[in-house]
Amino acid sequence: MFQGEIAALSAAALWAFATLMFGRLGKQLSPLVLNLIKGSMAIGFIVLTLVVRQQLLASLPMESVGLLLVSGVVGIGLGDTAYFATVNALGARRALLLEMLAPLMSAVMALVFLQERLSAIAWLGMALTLVGIVWVVSERSPQLNAGPASARGIILGVMAALGQAIGSVLSRAALADTTVDPLWSSLLRLVAGLVCIGGLCLWRRRSQPLISKQVVSARLLGGVAIAAFFGTYLAIWLQQVALKYSPTGIAQSLLATSPIMVLPMALVIGERITLRAICGAMVALVGVWLLFSR
C-alpha cells in the first residue's frame, strides 16, 4: 500500500542530495558531459544489480520497450540536458520553479492520453503540494536570484518541464498493468537517453569545447560517481517504481518535492532557513498528506 507514493518521496530526497552535488560539478563540466558521465555510471550500476539479481535476461513486451526508449530520449536525453542548461542560465532556484510545470503537464497529458482520472482530493493535494514548493523556491535571495531572467533560460526551463512530463507519461504507459520491472525500465530509459546525449555531444563539439580547461581529476569523477549512484541509479529506479504503482500526476507531484527535502540538508550544513521556507514546506506537507489519504 502506497508503494508508489513512498518511492516517489524517496526519489525526491535522493534528488535533493544529488542536486547539491550537481550544482558544484556543473561548474566544471558542461550539462551534456555531466549528463553523459552520470548516465554511463548509472547504467553500470543497474547492469551490476541485474547480474546480482539474476535478471540480466528478460522477456519484455516490444510495445513497452518502444515507449521506454522514446521516454528516455525525451525525458533524460533532452529533458535533463535542458534542465542542467537552465540551472546554468537562471540558477538552481529559478530552474526548480519552472520545473513545477512538469506535474501539471503530466496530469493533463495522462488524463488525455491514458484516461487517468484523479479524485477532487487528489487534485487538491497536488495543488497544495505545488503551491508550497513554489512558495519555497520563489523566495527572493540576492545571491540565488542575481540578475534578470533571460528568455533563453525560460525557454530551456519550459522545455525541461515538458520533457519530464512526456517522459513520465510514456513510462507510465509502459509500466502500468504490465510485467515490466522498474529496474529494466530504468535501464532502457538511461540507454536511450545516453545515445541521445552522445549524439548531442558530437554535434556540440563542432562549435565549442565540452569540457573546461580545468583538469578532470579523480576527485571530480568520484564526486560524479557518488551523485550518479544516489541521484541517477537509485532515484530513477524509485521514480519508475512510483510511475508503475501510482497515477502519473500524483507521482510527479511527489517527485517534485525535492526543494522541500533540501531544507533540512541545508540546515545541517549551516544555512539559515527562513520562516517563509518553513511555511511553504508545511503547506506542501499538507498536500502530500492529502495525496496519501485520497
Foldseek 3Di string as FASTA:
>chain_A
DCLLLVLLLLLLLLQLVLVVLVLVLCVFFPLLVLLLLLLVLLLVVLCVVCVVVVNNDDDADPLLLVLLLVLLQLQRQQQSSLLSVLCVQFNDLVLLLLLLVQLVLLVVCCCVPVVDDDDPLLVVLLVLLSQLSNLQSVDDDCVRGPDDHDPSSSVSSNSNSNSNSSSLSSLLVSQAPGPDQLSVSLSSSSVSSSVSSVVVQVVVVVPDNRGDPDDCDPVSSVSSSVSSVRNRNSSSSSLSSSSHPDPSSSSSSSNSCSVLSNVVVCVVVPDDDDPSNVVSSVSSVVSSVSNVVD
